Amino acid sequence: MNSVILIGRLVRDPELRVTQSGLPVARMRIAVDRARPNPQTGNREADFIDIVVWGKQAETVSQYLRKGRLVAVDGRLQVRNYENPDGQKRTFYEVVAERVQFLDKASGPVDAPHGNVVDDPVPFASDDFAPDTGDTFGDQIGPSWDPVS
C-alpha cells in the first residue's frame, strides 16, 4: 500500500503547466511540522514535501492557493530518477495528490488566476509519471527549484 496524508503550509505559490496533450499539472511544496521538537535545540522543525497535482484539481489549486495557505494532501509517494544538466544522477521524491483540501481561508483576493509558470530543464511530467489516464505526454517541464536541495 502506498498512501500519504500530509497537512502543511505552502512555501511558495503553486506552479501550473499544461502538458502537450492538454492535461493541467501543478507543482507545489508544503512545509509539514514534525510532531516533536528537536531535542538539542527545543525548536520545532519542518519537512519540505513536493506535491504534484493533475487535471482540474491542478487548475483549482493554482487559482486559489498562495504561499502560506494551510492544506491537507492525500496521495501516494512517487520516486523519480533523472539526470540533471550537469550529468549527475538524481533521485527525487514527491507526493502525487489524489485530493487537496484547503484548511484555511484566503487572507485577501487572489490576483494571479493561473499561478506561476516556469521553464526549467528538470523533468516535471512525462508518460512515466502521469496518472493512469492512458495518455502519453513526453513533456520535459520542470520545477523552479533543485529537487535535491
N, C-alpha and C. Protein backbone atom coordinates (compact mmCIF):
# COMPACT_ATOMS: atom_id res chain seq x y z
N MET A 1 0.84 -1.17 0.00
CA MET A 1 0.00 0.00 0.00
C MET A 1 0.89 1.24 0.00
N ASN A 2 0.58 2.20 -0.82
CA ASN A 2 1.32 3.45 -0.92
C ASN A 2 0.32 4.57 -0.71
N SER A 3 0.26 5.08 0.52
CA SER A 3 -0.70 6.12 0.87
C SER A 3 -0.03 7.15 1.76
N VAL A 4 -0.22 8.42 1.42
CA VAL A 4 0.39 9.52 2.17
C VAL A 4 -0.69 10.54 2.48
N ILE A 5 -0.74 10.98 3.74
CA ILE A 5 -1.63 12.06 4.14
C ILE A 5 -0.78 13.09 4.87
N LEU A 6 -0.82 14.33 4.40
CA LEU A 6 0.00 15.40 4.97
C LEU A 6 -0.84 16.64 5.22
N ILE A 7 -0.48 17.40 6.23
CA ILE A 7 -1.05 18.73 6.46
C ILE A 7 0.13 19.68 6.59
N GLY A 8 0.10 20.76 5.81
CA GLY A 8 1.18 21.73 5.87
C GLY A 8 0.82 23.02 5.16
N ARG A 9 1.77 23.95 5.20
CA ARG A 9 1.58 25.25 4.57
C ARG A 9 2.44 25.37 3.31
N LEU A 10 1.86 25.99 2.28
CA LEU A 10 2.60 26.21 1.04
C LEU A 10 3.78 27.14 1.30
N VAL A 11 4.94 26.78 0.77
CA VAL A 11 6.12 27.63 0.93
C VAL A 11 6.30 28.58 -0.26
N ARG A 12 5.54 28.37 -1.30
CA ARG A 12 5.51 29.28 -2.46
C ARG A 12 4.19 29.03 -3.20
N ASP A 13 3.85 29.92 -4.10
CA ASP A 13 2.63 29.75 -4.90
C ASP A 13 2.77 28.51 -5.78
N PRO A 14 1.65 27.83 -6.05
CA PRO A 14 1.70 26.67 -6.97
C PRO A 14 2.14 27.10 -8.37
N GLU A 15 2.79 26.18 -9.08
CA GLU A 15 3.23 26.42 -10.45
C GLU A 15 2.39 25.54 -11.37
N LEU A 16 1.69 26.13 -12.30
CA LEU A 16 0.81 25.41 -13.21
C LEU A 16 1.43 25.29 -14.58
N ARG A 17 1.36 24.09 -15.15
CA ARG A 17 1.78 23.83 -16.53
C ARG A 17 0.67 23.04 -17.21
N VAL A 18 0.76 22.97 -18.51
CA VAL A 18 -0.15 22.14 -19.29
C VAL A 18 0.71 21.25 -20.17
N THR A 19 0.45 19.94 -20.14
CA THR A 19 1.24 19.02 -20.95
C THR A 19 0.91 19.22 -22.42
N GLN A 20 1.71 18.64 -23.31
CA GLN A 20 1.48 18.76 -24.74
C GLN A 20 0.10 18.23 -25.13
N SER A 21 -0.40 17.27 -24.38
CA SER A 21 -1.71 16.72 -24.69
C SER A 21 -2.85 17.51 -24.03
N GLY A 22 -2.51 18.61 -23.32
CA GLY A 22 -3.54 19.48 -22.76
C GLY A 22 -3.94 19.20 -21.33
N LEU A 23 -3.26 18.30 -20.63
CA LEU A 23 -3.61 17.98 -19.24
C LEU A 23 -2.90 18.94 -18.29
N PRO A 24 -3.66 19.67 -17.46
CA PRO A 24 -3.04 20.57 -16.49
C PRO A 24 -2.30 19.79 -15.40
N VAL A 25 -1.15 20.32 -14.98
CA VAL A 25 -0.38 19.72 -13.89
C VAL A 25 0.23 20.87 -13.08
N ALA A 26 0.07 20.80 -11.76
CA ALA A 26 0.59 21.83 -10.87
C ALA A 26 1.58 21.21 -9.89
N ARG A 27 2.59 21.99 -9.54
CA ARG A 27 3.58 21.58 -8.55
C ARG A 27 3.55 22.60 -7.43
N MET A 28 3.63 22.09 -6.20
CA MET A 28 3.73 22.97 -5.04
C MET A 28 4.56 22.28 -3.98
N ARG A 29 5.07 23.04 -3.04
CA ARG A 29 5.86 22.50 -1.94
C ARG A 29 5.19 22.96 -0.65
N ILE A 30 5.06 22.01 0.29
CA ILE A 30 4.48 22.36 1.58
C ILE A 30 5.47 22.07 2.70
N ALA A 31 5.37 22.86 3.77
CA ALA A 31 6.16 22.64 4.99
C ALA A 31 5.26 21.91 5.97
N VAL A 32 5.71 20.73 6.41
CA VAL A 32 4.96 19.90 7.34
C VAL A 32 5.72 19.88 8.66
N ASP A 33 5.10 20.41 9.72
CA ASP A 33 5.74 20.43 11.04
C ASP A 33 5.93 19.02 11.56
N ARG A 34 7.08 18.78 12.17
CA ARG A 34 7.32 17.50 12.83
C ARG A 34 6.57 17.48 14.16
N ALA A 35 6.22 16.27 14.61
CA ALA A 35 5.40 16.12 15.81
C ALA A 35 6.13 16.56 17.08
N ARG A 36 7.44 16.35 17.13
CA ARG A 36 8.21 16.66 18.34
C ARG A 36 9.29 17.69 18.02
N PRO A 37 9.61 18.53 19.02
CA PRO A 37 10.71 19.48 18.82
C PRO A 37 12.06 18.77 18.78
N ASN A 38 13.03 19.42 18.19
CA ASN A 38 14.40 18.91 18.14
C ASN A 38 14.92 18.82 19.57
N PRO A 39 15.41 17.65 20.03
CA PRO A 39 15.86 17.52 21.42
C PRO A 39 17.06 18.41 21.77
N GLN A 40 17.93 18.71 20.80
CA GLN A 40 19.10 19.56 21.08
C GLN A 40 18.73 21.04 21.18
N THR A 41 17.83 21.49 20.30
CA THR A 41 17.53 22.93 20.25
C THR A 41 16.21 23.29 20.91
N GLY A 42 15.30 22.33 20.99
CA GLY A 42 13.97 22.61 21.52
C GLY A 42 13.05 23.24 20.49
N ASN A 43 13.57 23.51 19.29
CA ASN A 43 12.76 24.13 18.23
C ASN A 43 12.00 23.07 17.45
N ARG A 44 10.82 23.45 16.98
CA ARG A 44 10.08 22.58 16.07
C ARG A 44 10.68 22.71 14.69
N GLU A 45 10.82 21.58 14.02
CA GLU A 45 11.37 21.57 12.67
C GLU A 45 10.27 21.16 11.70
N ALA A 46 10.53 21.37 10.42
CA ALA A 46 9.56 21.03 9.38
C ALA A 46 10.26 20.24 8.28
N ASP A 47 9.48 19.42 7.62
CA ASP A 47 9.95 18.74 6.41
C ASP A 47 9.27 19.44 5.24
N PHE A 48 10.02 19.59 4.14
CA PHE A 48 9.50 20.26 2.95
C PHE A 48 9.23 19.21 1.89
N ILE A 49 7.96 19.08 1.54
CA ILE A 49 7.49 18.00 0.68
C ILE A 49 6.97 18.57 -0.63
N ASP A 50 7.45 18.00 -1.75
CA ASP A 50 6.98 18.41 -3.08
C ASP A 50 5.72 17.65 -3.42
N ILE A 51 4.73 18.36 -3.96
CA ILE A 51 3.43 17.82 -4.30
C ILE A 51 3.16 18.07 -5.78
N VAL A 52 2.60 17.06 -6.46
CA VAL A 52 2.17 17.20 -7.86
C VAL A 52 0.67 16.95 -7.91
N VAL A 53 -0.04 17.83 -8.59
CA VAL A 53 -1.49 17.75 -8.70
C VAL A 53 -1.86 17.76 -10.18
N TRP A 54 -2.75 16.88 -10.60
CA TRP A 54 -3.12 16.73 -12.01
C TRP A 54 -4.57 17.14 -12.27
N GLY A 55 -4.84 17.48 -13.54
CA GLY A 55 -6.20 17.69 -14.03
C GLY A 55 -6.85 18.97 -13.50
N LYS A 56 -8.17 18.91 -13.36
CA LYS A 56 -8.96 20.06 -12.92
C LYS A 56 -8.49 20.54 -11.55
N GLN A 57 -8.11 19.59 -10.68
CA GLN A 57 -7.64 19.97 -9.36
C GLN A 57 -6.36 20.81 -9.44
N ALA A 58 -5.52 20.56 -10.44
CA ALA A 58 -4.31 21.37 -10.65
C ALA A 58 -4.69 22.82 -10.94
N GLU A 59 -5.69 23.01 -11.79
CA GLU A 59 -6.15 24.36 -12.09
C GLU A 59 -6.73 25.04 -10.86
N THR A 60 -7.46 24.28 -10.05
CA THR A 60 -8.08 24.84 -8.85
C THR A 60 -7.04 25.28 -7.83
N VAL A 61 -6.05 24.43 -7.55
CA VAL A 61 -5.03 24.82 -6.56
C VAL A 61 -4.22 26.00 -7.07
N SER A 62 -3.96 26.04 -8.37
CA SER A 62 -3.21 27.15 -8.93
C SER A 62 -3.99 28.46 -8.83
N GLN A 63 -5.28 28.36 -8.99
CA GLN A 63 -6.11 29.56 -8.97
C GLN A 63 -6.34 30.09 -7.56
N TYR A 64 -6.50 29.21 -6.58
CA TYR A 64 -6.94 29.64 -5.25
C TYR A 64 -5.89 29.57 -4.15
N LEU A 65 -4.82 28.83 -4.33
CA LEU A 65 -3.83 28.72 -3.26
C LEU A 65 -2.65 29.65 -3.48
N ARG A 66 -2.12 30.16 -2.39
CA ARG A 66 -0.94 31.01 -2.40
C ARG A 66 -0.04 30.63 -1.23
N LYS A 67 1.18 31.13 -1.28
CA LYS A 67 2.16 30.89 -0.22
C LYS A 67 1.53 31.15 1.14
N GLY A 68 1.77 30.21 2.09
CA GLY A 68 1.27 30.37 3.45
C GLY A 68 -0.05 29.68 3.74
N ARG A 69 -0.78 29.30 2.69
CA ARG A 69 -2.08 28.65 2.91
C ARG A 69 -1.90 27.25 3.49
N LEU A 70 -2.80 26.86 4.38
CA LEU A 70 -2.79 25.55 5.03
C LEU A 70 -3.62 24.57 4.21
N VAL A 71 -3.02 23.41 3.87
CA VAL A 71 -3.71 22.42 3.06
C VAL A 71 -3.51 21.02 3.64
N ALA A 72 -4.43 20.14 3.31
CA ALA A 72 -4.28 18.70 3.56
C ALA A 72 -4.15 18.04 2.20
N VAL A 73 -3.20 17.12 2.09
CA VAL A 73 -2.94 16.41 0.84
C VAL A 73 -3.06 14.92 1.11
N ASP A 74 -3.84 14.25 0.27
CA ASP A 74 -3.99 12.80 0.32
C ASP A 74 -3.50 12.28 -1.02
N GLY A 75 -2.51 11.39 -1.01
CA GLY A 75 -1.97 10.91 -2.27
C GLY A 75 -1.04 9.73 -2.08
N ARG A 76 -0.08 9.60 -3.03
CA ARG A 76 0.87 8.49 -2.99
C ARG A 76 2.27 9.02 -3.19
N LEU A 77 3.25 8.34 -2.59
CA LEU A 77 4.65 8.71 -2.75
C LEU A 77 5.16 8.18 -4.08
N GLN A 78 5.89 9.03 -4.80
CA GLN A 78 6.47 8.64 -6.07
C GLN A 78 7.96 8.97 -6.06
N VAL A 79 8.77 8.05 -6.53
CA VAL A 79 10.21 8.23 -6.60
C VAL A 79 10.60 8.30 -8.06
N ARG A 80 11.36 9.35 -8.41
CA ARG A 80 11.82 9.50 -9.79
C ARG A 80 13.33 9.62 -9.80
N ASN A 81 13.93 9.06 -10.82
CA ASN A 81 15.37 9.21 -11.04
C ASN A 81 15.54 9.94 -12.36
N TYR A 82 16.47 10.91 -12.37
CA TYR A 82 16.74 11.64 -13.60
C TYR A 82 18.18 12.11 -13.58
N GLU A 83 18.62 12.61 -14.70
CA GLU A 83 19.96 13.16 -14.83
C GLU A 83 19.84 14.66 -15.03
N ASN A 84 20.52 15.44 -14.19
CA ASN A 84 20.42 16.90 -14.30
C ASN A 84 21.30 17.40 -15.46
N PRO A 85 21.23 18.68 -15.80
CA PRO A 85 22.00 19.20 -16.93
C PRO A 85 23.52 19.02 -16.79
N ASP A 86 24.02 18.85 -15.56
CA ASP A 86 25.45 18.62 -15.33
C ASP A 86 25.83 17.15 -15.46
N GLY A 87 24.86 16.29 -15.78
CA GLY A 87 25.12 14.87 -15.94
C GLY A 87 25.09 14.07 -14.66
N GLN A 88 24.70 14.69 -13.55
CA GLN A 88 24.61 13.99 -12.28
C GLN A 88 23.27 13.28 -12.16
N LYS A 89 23.30 12.03 -11.69
CA LYS A 89 22.06 11.30 -11.48
C LYS A 89 21.46 11.75 -10.16
N ARG A 90 20.16 12.01 -10.18
CA ARG A 90 19.44 12.49 -9.00
C ARG A 90 18.23 11.61 -8.74
N THR A 91 17.87 11.50 -7.47
CA THR A 91 16.64 10.83 -7.06
C THR A 91 15.75 11.89 -6.45
N PHE A 92 14.49 11.87 -6.80
CA PHE A 92 13.55 12.90 -6.40
C PHE A 92 12.30 12.24 -5.85
N TYR A 93 11.88 12.66 -4.65
CA TYR A 93 10.68 12.13 -4.02
C TYR A 93 9.60 13.20 -4.05
N GLU A 94 8.38 12.79 -4.38
CA GLU A 94 7.26 13.72 -4.41
C GLU A 94 5.99 12.96 -4.09
N VAL A 95 4.96 13.69 -3.70
CA VAL A 95 3.66 13.11 -3.46
C VAL A 95 2.75 13.49 -4.62
N VAL A 96 2.16 12.49 -5.25
CA VAL A 96 1.17 12.72 -6.30
C VAL A 96 -0.19 12.78 -5.60
N ALA A 97 -0.80 13.97 -5.61
CA ALA A 97 -2.03 14.20 -4.85
C ALA A 97 -3.25 13.61 -5.54
N GLU A 98 -4.01 12.88 -4.78
CA GLU A 98 -5.33 12.44 -5.22
C GLU A 98 -6.37 13.49 -4.82
N ARG A 99 -6.17 14.07 -3.62
CA ARG A 99 -7.07 15.10 -3.11
C ARG A 99 -6.26 16.18 -2.39
N VAL A 100 -6.66 17.43 -2.57
CA VAL A 100 -6.09 18.56 -1.84
C VAL A 100 -7.26 19.31 -1.22
N GLN A 101 -7.20 19.47 0.10
CA GLN A 101 -8.24 20.22 0.80
C GLN A 101 -7.66 21.51 1.34
N PHE A 102 -8.40 22.61 1.18
CA PHE A 102 -7.99 23.91 1.71
C PHE A 102 -8.46 23.95 3.16
N LEU A 103 -7.56 24.19 4.10
CA LEU A 103 -7.90 24.14 5.52
C LEU A 103 -8.04 25.51 6.16
N ASP A 104 -7.76 26.56 5.44
CA ASP A 104 -7.96 27.91 5.96
C ASP A 104 -8.54 28.77 4.85
N LYS A 105 -8.89 29.97 5.20
CA LYS A 105 -9.44 30.89 4.21
C LYS A 105 -8.35 31.83 3.73
N ALA A 106 -8.46 32.24 2.48
CA ALA A 106 -7.52 33.20 1.92
C ALA A 106 -7.61 34.50 2.69
N SER A 107 -6.46 35.15 2.92
CA SER A 107 -6.44 36.40 3.68
C SER A 107 -6.82 37.60 2.83
N GLY A 108 -6.84 37.43 1.52
CA GLY A 108 -7.17 38.53 0.63
C GLY A 108 -7.51 37.99 -0.74
N PRO A 109 -7.81 38.88 -1.70
CA PRO A 109 -8.14 38.41 -3.04
C PRO A 109 -6.95 37.74 -3.72
N VAL A 110 -7.24 36.76 -4.52
CA VAL A 110 -6.21 36.07 -5.29
C VAL A 110 -6.09 36.81 -6.61
N ASP A 111 -4.89 37.35 -6.89
CA ASP A 111 -4.74 38.20 -8.05
C ASP A 111 -4.21 37.49 -9.29
N ALA A 112 -3.47 36.40 -9.14
CA ALA A 112 -2.92 35.69 -10.31
C ALA A 112 -3.78 34.47 -10.58
N PRO A 113 -4.57 34.45 -11.66
CA PRO A 113 -5.51 33.38 -11.88
C PRO A 113 -4.90 32.03 -12.20
N HIS A 114 -3.65 31.96 -12.64
CA HIS A 114 -3.11 30.67 -13.06
C HIS A 114 -1.75 30.33 -12.46
N GLY A 115 -1.41 30.91 -11.31
CA GLY A 115 -0.17 30.53 -10.64
C GLY A 115 1.07 30.95 -11.41
N ASN A 116 2.20 30.42 -10.99
CA ASN A 116 3.48 30.74 -11.62
C ASN A 116 3.80 29.71 -12.69
N VAL A 117 4.41 30.15 -13.75
CA VAL A 117 4.83 29.26 -14.83
C VAL A 117 6.35 29.32 -14.90
N VAL A 118 6.97 28.15 -15.06
CA VAL A 118 8.43 28.09 -15.08
C VAL A 118 8.90 27.36 -16.32
N ASP A 119 10.16 27.59 -16.69
CA ASP A 119 10.79 26.91 -17.81
C ASP A 119 12.13 26.37 -17.35
N ASP A 120 12.15 25.19 -16.73
CA ASP A 120 13.38 24.57 -16.26
C ASP A 120 13.58 23.25 -16.97
N PRO A 121 14.84 22.79 -17.10
CA PRO A 121 15.11 21.56 -17.83
C PRO A 121 14.87 20.28 -17.03
N VAL A 122 14.59 20.35 -15.73
CA VAL A 122 14.36 19.14 -14.93
C VAL A 122 13.03 18.53 -15.32
N PRO A 123 12.95 17.22 -15.52
CA PRO A 123 11.68 16.61 -15.89
C PRO A 123 10.61 16.88 -14.85
N PHE A 124 9.47 17.32 -15.29
CA PHE A 124 8.35 17.62 -14.40
C PHE A 124 7.25 16.60 -14.61
N ALA A 125 6.95 16.31 -15.85
CA ALA A 125 5.86 15.38 -16.13
C ALA A 125 6.15 14.66 -17.43
N SER A 126 5.92 13.39 -17.42
CA SER A 126 6.03 12.61 -18.64
C SER A 126 5.08 11.43 -18.53
N ASP A 127 5.02 10.62 -19.55
CA ASP A 127 4.10 9.49 -19.50
C ASP A 127 4.44 8.52 -18.38
N ASP A 128 5.69 8.50 -17.91
CA ASP A 128 6.07 7.62 -16.81
C ASP A 128 5.51 8.09 -15.48
N PHE A 129 5.18 9.36 -15.35
CA PHE A 129 4.80 9.91 -14.06
C PHE A 129 3.36 10.42 -14.03
N ALA A 130 2.64 10.34 -15.10
CA ALA A 130 1.27 10.85 -15.17
C ALA A 130 0.31 9.89 -14.48
N PRO A 131 -0.86 10.40 -14.08
CA PRO A 131 -1.86 9.49 -13.52
C PRO A 131 -2.31 8.50 -14.59
N ASP A 132 -2.97 7.46 -14.19
CA ASP A 132 -3.36 6.41 -15.12
C ASP A 132 -4.54 6.85 -15.99
N THR A 133 -4.26 7.71 -16.98
CA THR A 133 -5.31 8.18 -17.87
C THR A 133 -5.20 7.55 -19.24
N GLY A 134 -4.11 6.80 -19.48
CA GLY A 134 -3.89 6.23 -20.79
C GLY A 134 -3.28 7.22 -21.75
N ASP A 135 -3.02 8.44 -21.26
CA ASP A 135 -2.47 9.50 -22.09
C ASP A 135 -0.95 9.40 -22.10
N THR A 136 -0.33 9.75 -23.21
CA THR A 136 1.12 9.79 -23.31
C THR A 136 1.52 11.24 -23.52
N PHE A 137 2.47 11.71 -22.72
CA PHE A 137 2.80 13.12 -22.74
C PHE A 137 4.11 13.41 -23.43
N GLY A 138 5.21 12.93 -22.90
CA GLY A 138 6.51 13.23 -23.49
C GLY A 138 7.01 14.62 -23.19
N ASP A 139 6.32 15.35 -22.32
CA ASP A 139 6.77 16.69 -21.96
C ASP A 139 8.04 16.62 -21.12
N GLN A 140 8.86 17.62 -21.22
CA GLN A 140 10.01 17.77 -20.33
C GLN A 140 9.90 19.16 -19.71
N ILE A 141 9.10 19.27 -18.68
CA ILE A 141 8.92 20.54 -17.99
C ILE A 141 9.32 20.35 -16.55
N GLY A 142 9.77 21.41 -15.87
CA GLY A 142 10.37 21.19 -14.57
C GLY A 142 10.01 22.21 -13.51
N PRO A 143 10.38 21.89 -12.26
CA PRO A 143 10.13 22.79 -11.15
C PRO A 143 11.11 23.96 -11.16
N SER A 144 10.81 24.97 -10.36
CA SER A 144 11.67 26.15 -10.31
C SER A 144 12.73 26.03 -9.23
N TRP A 145 12.90 24.87 -8.65
CA TRP A 145 13.92 24.66 -7.64
C TRP A 145 14.63 23.35 -7.92
N ASP A 146 15.84 23.22 -7.37
CA ASP A 146 16.58 21.97 -7.49
C ASP A 146 15.92 20.97 -6.56
N PRO A 147 15.34 19.89 -7.07
CA PRO A 147 14.58 18.97 -6.24
C PRO A 147 15.39 18.26 -5.19
N VAL A 148 16.70 18.30 -5.26
CA VAL A 148 17.51 17.58 -4.29
C VAL A 148 17.95 18.48 -3.14
N SER A 149 17.98 19.77 -3.35
CA SER A 149 18.46 20.68 -2.31
C SER A 149 17.44 20.89 -1.22
